[in-house]
Amino acid sequence: MNQPTYLTTEELSSRIKYDVRTIRNRLKDSVLLEGTHYIRPFGGRKILFLWEAIERDMQQRSNDSDRTSIPLASGHLCHG
């Protein structure tokens, strides 16, 4: 199994071309979920994003956009 790629908020910002504040205020805990897309190592305040999970879900959501879907507050999609 491959070792996950851990990214800081700034490194993620550079990869996905979103402002750091957008990641912290709009994406984190709405589409980027703790335990799936990011972790807090050792129970601290620092956040490390899991690149492979984010990349996978970005691509999947892009493919899902071809179908009729309604975004839910949980970050999931309801397909029509």
Protein backbone atom coordinates (compact mmCIF):
# COMPACT_ATOMS: atom_id res chain seq x y z
CA MET A 1 0.00 0.00 0.00
CA ASN A 2 1.32 3.45 -0.91
CA GLN A 3 2.15 6.03 1.72
CA PRO A 4 -0.38 8.90 1.67
CA THR A 5 0.74 12.36 0.60
CA TYR A 6 0.18 14.81 3.45
CA LEU A 7 -0.26 18.47 2.54
CA THR A 8 -0.52 21.64 4.58
CA THR A 9 -3.32 24.07 3.74
CA GLU A 10 -0.85 26.21 1.81
CA GLU A 11 0.41 23.22 -0.22
CA LEU A 12 -3.16 22.12 -0.99
CA SER A 13 -3.99 25.68 -2.03
CA SER A 14 -1.16 25.59 -4.55
CA ARG A 15 -2.28 22.25 -5.99
CA ILE A 16 -5.99 22.95 -6.39
CA LYS A 17 -5.70 26.69 -7.10
CA TYR A 18 -8.04 27.75 -4.28
CA ASP A 19 -7.19 30.48 -1.79
CA VAL A 20 -6.11 29.26 1.66
CA ARG A 21 -9.05 31.13 3.24
CA THR A 22 -11.50 29.43 0.88
CA ILE A 23 -10.17 26.03 1.88
CA ARG A 24 -10.42 26.86 5.60
CA ASN A 25 -13.75 28.69 5.53
CA ARG A 26 -15.77 27.09 2.73
CA LEU A 27 -14.37 23.68 1.83
CA LYS A 28 -13.18 22.27 5.17
CA ASP A 29 -16.00 20.41 6.92
CA SER A 30 -18.39 20.82 3.99
CA VAL A 31 -16.70 18.94 1.14
CA LEU A 32 -13.35 18.20 2.78
CA LEU A 33 -14.19 15.99 5.73
CA GLU A 34 -12.09 15.12 8.76
CA GLY A 35 -10.97 11.50 8.67
CA THR A 36 -11.52 11.27 4.91
CA HIS A 37 -9.77 14.30 3.43
CA TYR A 38 -7.77 15.59 6.38
CA ILE A 39 -6.45 14.57 9.76
CA ARG A 40 -5.29 16.31 12.92
CA PRO A 41 -2.07 14.48 13.82
CA PHE A 42 -1.72 13.61 17.48
CA GLY A 43 -5.04 15.34 18.28
CA GLY A 44 -3.51 18.79 17.80
CA ARG A 45 -4.67 21.89 15.97
CA LYS A 46 -2.51 21.36 12.89
CA ILE A 47 -4.36 19.97 9.87
CA LEU A 48 -2.81 17.77 7.21
CA PHE A 49 -4.77 17.10 4.04
CA LEU A 50 -4.69 13.68 2.36
CA TRP A 51 -3.98 14.41 -1.29
CA GLU A 52 -5.02 11.05 -2.77
CA ALA A 53 -8.50 11.21 -1.18
CA ILE A 54 -9.01 14.81 -2.31
CA GLU A 55 -7.84 14.07 -5.84
CA ARG A 56 -10.08 10.97 -6.05
CA ASP A 57 -13.17 12.85 -4.86
CA MET A 58 -12.52 15.89 -7.07
CA GLN A 59 -12.38 13.61 -10.11
CA GLN A 60 -15.45 11.67 -9.02
CA ARG A 61 -17.46 14.83 -8.44
CA SER A 62 -16.39 16.10 -11.84
CA ASN A 63 -17.69 12.87 -13.39
CA ASP A 64 -20.88 13.09 -11.28
CA SER A 65 -21.58 16.57 -12.64
CA ASP A 66 -22.51 14.96 -15.95
CA ARG A 67 -25.59 13.54 -14.21
CA THR A 68 -28.40 15.41 -12.50
CA SER A 69 -27.48 15.76 -8.84
CA ILE A 70 -28.27 17.92 -5.84
CA PRO A 71 -25.48 18.76 -3.39
CA LEU A 72 -26.30 18.01 0.26
CA ALA A 73 -25.01 19.84 3.33
CA SER A 74 -23.12 16.68 4.34
CA GLY A 75 -20.98 17.05 1.22
CA HIS A 76 -22.66 14.10 -0.49
CA LEU A 77 -24.79 14.26 -3.64
CA CYS A 78 -28.39 13.22 -4.17
CA HIS A 79 -28.70 11.83 -7.69
CA GLY A 80 -31.92 12.46 -9.57
